[in-house]
Amino acid sequence: MRLLTELRYSQSLMYPNVSLINKFKNNLVVFERDLNNPLNEGFIIYWEIIESNKQLIFKKRLTRIKAHNKLIKLQEEGWTKANEIDQVA
């Protein structure tokens, strides 16, 4: 039952567009929408932060449902949003 609820819920959502950083502040994960298909697909990009520089670890294409599942898992592991700045239009 929970799986069906999650599937219905995730089908109404867009691909996440958020950056998360781990509690040690040495890894960054960026969820980025695909410009050609922003509702259904995008990329997850892992960066390693060494001093003040970022180094790409890998970039992978994910569907919307897998991205939301990964986002939930990372938040449960203690990752927090990076650059939580409220922008006003």
PDB file of N, CA and C in Angstrom:
ATOM      1  N   MET A   1       0.821  -1.194   0.000  1.00  0.00           N
ATOM      2  CA  MET A   1       0.000   0.000   0.000  1.00  0.00           C
ATOM      3  C   MET A   1       0.863   1.255   0.000  1.00  0.00           C
ATOM      4  N   ARG A   2       1.927   1.257   0.805  1.00  0.00           N
ATOM      5  CA  ARG A   2       2.807   2.418   0.874  1.00  0.00           C
ATOM      6  C   ARG A   2       3.466   2.684  -0.472  1.00  0.00           C
ATOM      7  N   LEU A   3       3.858   1.615  -1.172  1.00  0.00           N
ATOM      8  CA  LEU A   3       4.489   1.766  -2.475  1.00  0.00           C
ATOM      9  C   LEU A   3       3.532   2.430  -3.461  1.00  0.00           C
ATOM     10  N   LEU A   4       2.275   2.016  -3.458  1.00  0.00           N
ATOM     11  CA  LEU A   4       1.293   2.623  -4.353  1.00  0.00           C
ATOM     12  C   LEU A   4       1.096   4.092  -4.028  1.00  0.00           C
ATOM     13  N   THR A   5       1.063   4.434  -2.758  1.00  0.00           N
ATOM     14  CA  THR A   5       0.917   5.826  -2.354  1.00  0.00           C
ATOM     15  C   THR A   5       2.126   6.637  -2.808  1.00  0.00           C
ATOM     16  N   GLU A   6       3.331   6.086  -2.631  1.00  0.00           N
ATOM     17  CA  GLU A   6       4.539   6.780  -3.057  1.00  0.00           C
ATOM     18  C   GLU A   6       4.557   6.965  -4.565  1.00  0.00           C
ATOM     19  N   LEU A   7       4.130   5.958  -5.319  1.00  0.00           N
ATOM     20  CA  LEU A   7       4.113   6.078  -6.771  1.00  0.00           C
ATOM     21  C   LEU A   7       3.128   7.150  -7.231  1.00  0.00           C
ATOM     22  N   ARG A   8       1.939   7.178  -6.637  1.00  0.00           N
ATOM     23  CA  ARG A   8       0.959   8.212  -6.989  1.00  0.00           C
ATOM     24  C   ARG A   8       1.487   9.590  -6.636  1.00  0.00           C
ATOM     25  N   TYR A   9       2.113   9.703  -5.475  1.00  0.00           N
ATOM     26  CA  TYR A   9       2.652  10.980  -5.015  1.00  0.00           C
ATOM     27  C   TYR A   9       3.790  11.444  -5.914  1.00  0.00           C
ATOM     28  N   SER A  10       4.685  10.531  -6.267  1.00  0.00           N
ATOM     29  CA  SER A  10       5.854  10.915  -7.053  1.00  0.00           C
ATOM     30  C   SER A  10       5.493  11.242  -8.499  1.00  0.00           C
ATOM     31  N   GLN A  11       4.389  10.708  -9.011  1.00  0.00           N
ATOM     32  CA  GLN A  11       4.007  11.007 -10.377  1.00  0.00           C
ATOM     33  C   GLN A  11       3.475  12.423 -10.518  1.00  0.00           C
ATOM     34  N   SER A  12       3.054  13.041  -9.433  1.00  0.00           N
ATOM     35  CA  SER A  12       2.553  14.406  -9.498  1.00  0.00           C
ATOM     36  C   SER A  12       3.665  15.423  -9.271  1.00  0.00           C
ATOM     37  N   LEU A  13       4.868  14.971  -8.981  1.00  0.00           N
ATOM     38  CA  LEU A  13       5.977  15.867  -8.693  1.00  0.00           C
ATOM     39  C   LEU A  13       6.866  16.062  -9.914  1.00  0.00           C
ATOM     40  N   MET A  14       7.540  17.202  -9.937  1.00  0.00           N
ATOM     41  CA  MET A  14       8.539  17.440 -10.969  1.00  0.00           C
ATOM     42  C   MET A  14       9.874  16.872 -10.495  1.00  0.00           C
ATOM     43  N   TYR A  15      10.824  16.822 -11.388  1.00  0.00           N
ATOM     44  CA  TYR A  15      12.166  16.385 -11.030  1.00  0.00           C
ATOM     45  C   TYR A  15      12.735  17.378 -10.020  1.00  0.00           C
ATOM     46  N   PRO A  16      13.358  16.901  -8.947  1.00  0.00           N
ATOM     47  CA  PRO A  16      13.876  17.832  -7.939  1.00  0.00           C
ATOM     48  C   PRO A  16      14.993  18.706  -8.498  1.00  0.00           C
ATOM     49  N   ASN A  17      15.058  19.923  -8.013  1.00  0.00           N
ATOM     50  CA  ASN A  17      16.105  20.854  -8.420  1.00  0.00           C
ATOM     51  C   ASN A  17      16.697  21.425  -7.139  1.00  0.00           C
ATOM     52  N   VAL A  18      17.612  20.651  -6.524  1.00  0.00           N
ATOM     53  CA  VAL A  18      18.116  20.998  -5.201  1.00  0.00           C
ATOM     54  C   VAL A  18      19.567  20.540  -5.072  1.00  0.00           C
ATOM     55  N   SER A  19      20.288  21.172  -4.163  1.00  0.00           N
ATOM     56  CA  SER A  19      21.654  20.766  -3.831  1.00  0.00           C
ATOM     57  C   SER A  19      21.699  20.364  -2.367  1.00  0.00           C
ATOM     58  N   LEU A  20      22.372  19.259  -2.070  1.00  0.00           N
ATOM     59  CA  LEU A  20      22.513  18.775  -0.699  1.00  0.00           C
ATOM     60  C   LEU A  20      23.986  18.651  -0.348  1.00  0.00           C
ATOM     61  N   ILE A  21      24.312  18.900   0.915  1.00  0.00           N
ATOM     62  CA  ILE A  21      25.681  18.762   1.384  1.00  0.00           C
ATOM     63  C   ILE A  21      25.681  17.863   2.614  1.00  0.00           C
ATOM     64  N   ASN A  22      26.723  17.040   2.756  1.00  0.00           N
ATOM     65  CA  ASN A  22      26.757  16.124   3.900  1.00  0.00           C
ATOM     66  C   ASN A  22      27.188  16.864   5.168  1.00  0.00           C
ATOM     67  N   LYS A  23      27.086  16.182   6.293  1.00  0.00           N
ATOM     68  CA  LYS A  23      27.356  16.829   7.578  1.00  0.00           C
ATOM     69  C   LYS A  23      28.828  17.183   7.770  1.00  0.00           C
ATOM     70  N   PHE A  24      29.719  16.549   7.013  1.00  0.00           N
ATOM     71  CA  PHE A  24      31.145  16.849   7.117  1.00  0.00           C
ATOM     72  C   PHE A  24      31.556  17.986   6.175  1.00  0.00           C
ATOM     73  N   LYS A  25      30.613  18.443   5.351  1.00  0.00           N
ATOM     74  CA  LYS A  25      30.839  19.548   4.398  1.00  0.00           C
ATOM     75  C   LYS A  25      31.935  19.235   3.388  1.00  0.00           C
ATOM     76  N   ASN A  26      32.086  17.939   3.036  1.00  0.00           N
ATOM     77  CA  ASN A  26      33.114  17.586   2.051  1.00  0.00           C
ATOM     78  C   ASN A  26      32.540  16.937   0.790  1.00  0.00           C
ATOM     79  N   ASN A  27      31.230  16.724   0.742  1.00  0.00           N
ATOM     80  CA  ASN A  27      30.586  16.180  -0.452  1.00  0.00           C
ATOM     81  C   ASN A  27      29.320  16.962  -0.750  1.00  0.00           C
ATOM     82  N   LEU A  28      29.085  17.182  -2.027  1.00  0.00           N
ATOM     83  CA  LEU A  28      27.923  17.932  -2.494  1.00  0.00           C
ATOM     84  C   LEU A  28      27.206  17.097  -3.542  1.00  0.00           C
ATOM     85  N   VAL A  29      25.878  17.027  -3.448  1.00  0.00           N
ATOM     86  CA  VAL A  29      25.066  16.330  -4.439  1.00  0.00           C
ATOM     87  C   VAL A  29      24.114  17.343  -5.042  1.00  0.00           C
ATOM     88  N   VAL A  30      24.096  17.399  -6.367  1.00  0.00           N
ATOM     89  CA  VAL A  30      23.243  18.348  -7.069  1.00  0.00           C
ATOM     90  C   VAL A  30      22.247  17.570  -7.920  1.00  0.00           C
ATOM     91  N   PHE A  31      20.963  17.833  -7.724  1.00  0.00           N
ATOM     92  CA  PHE A  31      19.913  17.286  -8.580  1.00  0.00           C
ATOM     93  C   PHE A  31      19.586  18.380  -9.592  1.00  0.00           C
ATOM     94  N   GLU A  32      19.740  18.066 -10.864  1.00  0.00           N
ATOM     95  CA  GLU A  32      19.583  19.069 -11.917  1.00  0.00           C
ATOM     96  C   GLU A  32      18.628  18.543 -12.980  1.00  0.00           C
ATOM     97  N   ARG A  33      17.644  19.330 -13.345  1.00  0.00           N
ATOM     98  CA  ARG A  33      16.679  18.917 -14.368  1.00  0.00           C
ATOM     99  C   ARG A  33      17.331  18.883 -15.741  1.00  0.00           C
ATOM    100  N   ASP A  34      16.880  17.942 -16.572  1.00  0.00           N
ATOM    101  CA  ASP A  34      17.303  17.877 -17.963  1.00  0.00           C
ATOM    102  C   ASP A  34      16.517  18.940 -18.720  1.00  0.00           C
ATOM    103  N   LEU A  35      17.195  19.828 -19.417  1.00  0.00           N
ATOM    104  CA  LEU A  35      16.508  20.914 -20.114  1.00  0.00           C
ATOM    105  C   LEU A  35      15.572  20.408 -21.204  1.00  0.00           C
ATOM    106  N   ASN A  36      15.864  19.249 -21.789  1.00  0.00           N
ATOM    107  CA  ASN A  36      15.024  18.698 -22.844  1.00  0.00           C
ATOM    108  C   ASN A  36      13.800  17.967 -22.313  1.00  0.00           C
ATOM    109  N   ASN A  37      13.831  17.530 -21.058  1.00  0.00           N
ATOM    110  CA  ASN A  37      12.724  16.785 -20.463  1.00  0.00           C
ATOM    111  C   ASN A  37      12.673  17.094 -18.962  1.00  0.00           C
ATOM    112  N   PRO A  38      12.398  18.346 -18.571  1.00  0.00           N
ATOM    113  CA  PRO A  38      12.529  18.745 -17.164  1.00  0.00           C
ATOM    114  C   PRO A  38      11.521  18.114 -16.212  1.00  0.00           C
ATOM    115  N   LEU A  39      10.399  17.603 -16.716  1.00  0.00           N
ATOM    116  CA  LEU A  39       9.400  17.013 -15.827  1.00  0.00           C
ATOM    117  C   LEU A  39       9.735  15.594 -15.423  1.00  0.00           C
ATOM    118  N   ASN A  40      10.419  14.850 -16.279  1.00  0.00           N
ATOM    119  CA  ASN A  40      10.594  13.420 -16.047  1.00  0.00           C
ATOM    120  C   ASN A  40      12.022  12.952 -15.818  1.00  0.00           C
ATOM    121  N   GLU A  41      13.017  13.678 -16.290  1.00  0.00           N
ATOM    122  CA  GLU A  41      14.390  13.208 -16.186  1.00  0.00           C
ATOM    123  C   GLU A  41      15.327  14.333 -15.791  1.00  0.00           C
ATOM    124  N   GLY A  42      16.475  13.923 -15.293  1.00  0.00           N
ATOM    125  CA  GLY A  42      17.495  14.885 -14.927  1.00  0.00           C
ATOM    126  C   GLY A  42      18.772  14.167 -14.563  1.00  0.00           C
ATOM    127  N   PHE A  43      19.642  14.883 -13.887  1.00  0.00           N
ATOM    128  CA  PHE A  43      20.945  14.342 -13.533  1.00  0.00           C
ATOM    129  C   PHE A  43      21.167  14.466 -12.036  1.00  0.00           C
ATOM    130  N   ILE A  44      21.927  13.521 -11.498  1.00  0.00           N
ATOM    131  CA  ILE A  44      22.432  13.639 -10.137  1.00  0.00           C
ATOM    132  C   ILE A  44      23.949  13.747 -10.274  1.00  0.00           C
ATOM    133  N   ILE A  45      24.494  14.783  -9.669  1.00  0.00           N
ATOM    134  CA  ILE A  45      25.912  15.083  -9.829  1.00  0.00           C
ATOM    135  C   ILE A  45      26.561  15.071  -8.450  1.00  0.00           C
ATOM    136  N   TYR A  46      27.582  14.259  -8.290  1.00  0.00           N
ATOM    137  CA  TYR A  46      28.319  14.165  -7.025  1.00  0.00           C
ATOM    138  C   TYR A  46      29.619  14.941  -7.143  1.00  0.00           C
ATOM    139  N   TRP A  47      29.859  15.823  -6.177  1.00  0.00           N
ATOM    140  CA  TRP A  47      31.085  16.616  -6.117  1.00  0.00           C
ATOM    141  C   TRP A  47      31.792  16.333  -4.803  1.00  0.00           C
ATOM    142  N   GLU A  48      33.111  16.355  -4.844  1.00  0.00           N
ATOM    143  CA  GLU A  48      33.911  16.278  -3.628  1.00  0.00           C
ATOM    144  C   GLU A  48      34.518  17.661  -3.415  1.00  0.00           C
ATOM    145  N   ILE A  49      34.423  18.174  -2.193  1.00  0.00           N
ATOM    146  CA  ILE A  49      34.950  19.494  -1.880  1.00  0.00           C
ATOM    147  C   ILE A  49      36.288  19.321  -1.173  1.00  0.00           C
ATOM    148  N   ILE A  50      37.330  19.807  -1.813  1.00  0.00           N
ATOM    149  CA  ILE A  50      38.679  19.754  -1.258  1.00  0.00           C
ATOM    150  C   ILE A  50      39.120  21.197  -1.054  1.00  0.00           C
ATOM    151  N   GLU A  51      39.282  21.569   0.216  1.00  0.00           N
ATOM    152  CA  GLU A  51      39.560  22.946   0.607  1.00  0.00           C
ATOM    153  C   GLU A  51      38.459  23.828   0.021  1.00  0.00           C
ATOM    154  N   SER A  52      38.765  24.734  -0.883  1.00  0.00           N
ATOM    155  CA  SER A  52      37.710  25.584  -1.437  1.00  0.00           C
ATOM    156  C   SER A  52      37.396  25.233  -2.889  1.00  0.00           C
ATOM    157  N   ASN A  53      37.887  24.088  -3.373  1.00  0.00           N
ATOM    158  CA  ASN A  53      37.652  23.655  -4.752  1.00  0.00           C
ATOM    159  C   ASN A  53      36.704  22.465  -4.799  1.00  0.00           C
ATOM    160  N   LYS A  54      35.924  22.384  -5.890  1.00  0.00           N
ATOM    161  CA  LYS A  54      35.046  21.238  -6.103  1.00  0.00           C
ATOM    162  C   LYS A  54      35.635  20.360  -7.196  1.00  0.00           C
ATOM    163  N   GLN A  55      35.554  19.050  -6.989  1.00  0.00           N
ATOM    164  CA  GLN A  55      36.032  18.090  -7.975  1.00  0.00           C
ATOM    165  C   GLN A  55      34.888  17.143  -8.308  1.00  0.00           C
ATOM    166  N   LEU A  56      34.587  16.994  -9.594  1.00  0.00           N
ATOM    167  CA  LEU A  56      33.507  16.123 -10.040  1.00  0.00           C
ATOM    168  C   LEU A  56      33.850  14.672  -9.763  1.00  0.00           C
ATOM    169  N   ILE A  57      32.938  13.964  -9.093  1.00  0.00           N
ATOM    170  CA  ILE A  57      33.117  12.536  -8.864  1.00  0.00           C
ATOM    171  C   ILE A  57      32.415  11.772  -9.985  1.00  0.00           C
ATOM    172  N   PHE A  58      31.108  12.003 -10.161  1.00  0.00           N
ATOM    173  CA  PHE A  58      30.406  11.455 -11.317  1.00  0.00           C
ATOM    174  C   PHE A  58      29.064  12.136 -11.514  1.00  0.00           C
ATOM    175  N   LYS A  59      28.521  11.949 -12.722  1.00  0.00           N
ATOM    176  CA  LYS A  59      27.233  12.520 -13.110  1.00  0.00           C
ATOM    177  C   LYS A  59      26.420  11.398 -13.738  1.00  0.00           C
ATOM    178  N   LYS A  60      25.173  11.253 -13.308  1.00  0.00           N
ATOM    179  CA  LYS A  60      24.343  10.139 -13.765  1.00  0.00           C
ATOM    180  C   LYS A  60      22.937  10.636 -14.067  1.00  0.00           C
ATOM    181  N   ARG A  61      22.322  10.096 -15.118  1.00  0.00           N
ATOM    182  CA  ARG A  61      20.949  10.438 -15.466  1.00  0.00           C
ATOM    183  C   ARG A  61      20.000   9.595 -14.608  1.00  0.00           C
ATOM    184  N   LEU A  62      18.954  10.236 -14.074  1.00  0.00           N
ATOM    185  CA  LEU A  62      17.958   9.540 -13.262  1.00  0.00           C
ATOM    186  C   LEU A  62      16.557   9.939 -13.688  1.00  0.00           C
ATOM    187  N   THR A  63      15.622   9.006 -13.523  1.00  0.00           N
ATOM    188  CA  THR A  63      14.218   9.342 -13.727  1.00  0.00           C
ATOM    189  C   THR A  63      13.704  10.098 -12.504  1.00  0.00           C
ATOM    190  N   ARG A  64      12.539  10.696 -12.636  1.00  0.00           N
ATOM    191  CA  ARG A  64      11.953  11.489 -11.560  1.00  0.00           C
ATOM    192  C   ARG A  64      11.719  10.653 -10.306  1.00  0.00           C
ATOM    193  N   ILE A  65      11.192   9.462 -10.449  1.00  0.00           N
ATOM    194  CA  ILE A  65      10.883   8.611  -9.289  1.00  0.00           C
ATOM    195  C   ILE A  65      12.162   8.199  -8.565  1.00  0.00           C
ATOM    196  N   LYS A  66      13.183   7.770  -9.318  1.00  0.00           N
ATOM    197  CA  LYS A  66      14.448   7.378  -8.694  1.00  0.00           C
ATOM    198  C   LYS A  66      15.120   8.572  -8.021  1.00  0.00           C
ATOM    199  N   ALA A  67      15.001   9.748  -8.624  1.00  0.00           N
ATOM    200  CA  ALA A  67      15.601  10.943  -8.027  1.00  0.00           C
ATOM    201  C   ALA A  67      14.923  11.293  -6.707  1.00  0.00           C
ATOM    202  N   HIS A  68      13.604  11.204  -6.654  1.00  0.00           N
ATOM    203  CA  HIS A  68      12.892  11.491  -5.407  1.00  0.00           C
ATOM    204  C   HIS A  68      13.244  10.468  -4.332  1.00  0.00           C
ATOM    205  N   ASN A  69      13.360   9.209  -4.711  1.00  0.00           N
ATOM    206  CA  ASN A  69      13.754   8.176  -3.735  1.00  0.00           C
ATOM    207  C   ASN A  69      15.162   8.439  -3.205  1.00  0.00           C
ATOM    208  N   LYS A  70      16.084   8.814  -4.085  1.00  0.00           N
ATOM    209  CA  LYS A  70      17.455   9.105  -3.670  1.00  0.00           C
ATOM    210  C   LYS A  70      17.495  10.346  -2.777  1.00  0.00           C
ATOM    211  N   LEU A  71      16.693  11.348  -3.112  1.00  0.00           N
ATOM    212  CA  LEU A  71      16.623  12.566  -2.310  1.00  0.00           C
ATOM    213  C   LEU A  71      16.128  12.264  -0.902  1.00  0.00           C
ATOM    214  N   ILE A  72      15.102  11.453  -0.787  1.00  0.00           N
ATOM    215  CA  ILE A  72      14.568  11.062   0.526  1.00  0.00           C
ATOM    216  C   ILE A  72      15.621  10.290   1.316  1.00  0.00           C
ATOM    217  N   LYS A  73      16.319   9.362   0.655  1.00  0.00           N
ATOM    218  CA  LYS A  73      17.350   8.560   1.325  1.00  0.00           C
ATOM    219  C   LYS A  73      18.486   9.449   1.841  1.00  0.00           C
ATOM    220  N   LEU A  74      18.934  10.394   1.030  1.00  0.00           N
ATOM    221  CA  LEU A  74      20.019  11.280   1.444  1.00  0.00           C
ATOM    222  C   LEU A  74      19.593  12.156   2.630  1.00  0.00           C
ATOM    223  N   GLN A  75      18.359  12.650   2.614  1.00  0.00           N
ATOM    224  CA  GLN A  75      17.880  13.469   3.721  1.00  0.00           C
ATOM    225  C   GLN A  75      17.764  12.648   4.997  1.00  0.00           C
ATOM    226  N   GLU A  76      17.384  11.389   4.880  1.00  0.00           N
ATOM    227  CA  GLU A  76      17.320  10.512   6.054  1.00  0.00           C
ATOM    228  C   GLU A  76      18.713  10.243   6.617  1.00  0.00           C
ATOM    229  N   GLU A  77      19.738  10.271   5.745  1.00  0.00           N
ATOM    230  CA  GLU A  77      21.116  10.048   6.176  1.00  0.00           C
ATOM    231  C   GLU A  77      21.751  11.309   6.767  1.00  0.00           C
ATOM    232  N   GLY A  78      21.024  12.412   6.783  1.00  0.00           N
ATOM    233  CA  GLY A  78      21.528  13.628   7.417  1.00  0.00           C
ATOM    234  C   GLY A  78      22.041  14.692   6.473  1.00  0.00           C
ATOM    235  N   TRP A  79      21.884  14.509   5.177  1.00  0.00           N
ATOM    236  CA  TRP A  79      22.295  15.533   4.227  1.00  0.00           C
ATOM    237  C   TRP A  79      21.329  16.710   4.344  1.00  0.00           C
ATOM    238  N   THR A  80      21.841  17.923   4.202  1.00  0.00           N
ATOM    239  CA  THR A  80      21.009  19.123   4.311  1.00  0.00           C
ATOM    240  C   THR A  80      21.108  19.934   3.029  1.00  0.00           C
ATOM    241  N   LYS A  81      20.121  20.793   2.820  1.00  0.00           N
ATOM    242  CA  LYS A  81      20.111  21.641   1.628  1.00  0.00           C
ATOM    243  C   LYS A  81      21.254  22.643   1.696  1.00  0.00           C
ATOM    244  N   ALA A  82      21.919  22.787   0.581  1.00  0.00           N
ATOM    245  CA  ALA A  82      22.994  23.779   0.478  1.00  0.00           C
ATOM    246  C   ALA A  82      22.397  25.053  -0.106  1.00  0.00           C
ATOM    247  N   ASN A  83      22.885  26.189   0.330  1.00  0.00           N
ATOM    248  CA  ASN A  83      22.423  27.485  -0.177  1.00  0.00           C
ATOM    249  C   ASN A  83      20.929  27.672   0.001  1.00  0.00           C
ATOM    250  N   GLU A  84      20.464  27.527   1.229  1.00  0.00           N
ATOM    251  CA  GLU A  84      19.044  27.736   1.506  1.00  0.00           C
ATOM    252  C   GLU A  84      18.756  29.224   1.567  1.00  0.00           C
ATOM    253  N   ILE A  85      18.722  29.843   0.409  1.00  0.00           N
ATOM    254  CA  ILE A  85      18.427  31.271   0.321  1.00  0.00           C
ATOM    255  C   ILE A  85      17.069  31.407  -0.341  1.00  0.00           C
ATOM    256  N   ASP A  86      16.174  32.067   0.333  1.00  0.00           N
ATOM    257  CA  ASP A  86      14.853  32.310  -0.231  1.00  0.00           C
ATOM    258  C   ASP A  86      14.965  33.458  -1.219  1.00  0.00           C
ATOM    259  N   GLN A  87      14.655  33.185  -2.474  1.00  0.00           N
ATOM    260  CA  GLN A  87      14.729  34.225  -3.494  1.00  0.00           C
ATOM    261  C   GLN A  87      13.338  34.786  -3.726  1.00  0.00           C
ATOM    262  N   VAL A  88      13.276  36.086  -3.775  1.00  0.00           N
ATOM    263  CA  VAL A  88      12.008  36.764  -3.982  1.00  0.00           C
ATOM    264  C   VAL A  88      11.977  37.288  -5.407  1.00  0.00           C
ATOM    265  N   ALA A  89      10.864  37.034  -6.082  1.00  0.00           N
ATOM    266  CA  ALA A  89      10.752  37.487  -7.476  1.00  0.00           C
ATOM    267  C   ALA A  89      10.408  38.954  -7.531  1.00  0.00           C
TER     268      ALA A  89
END
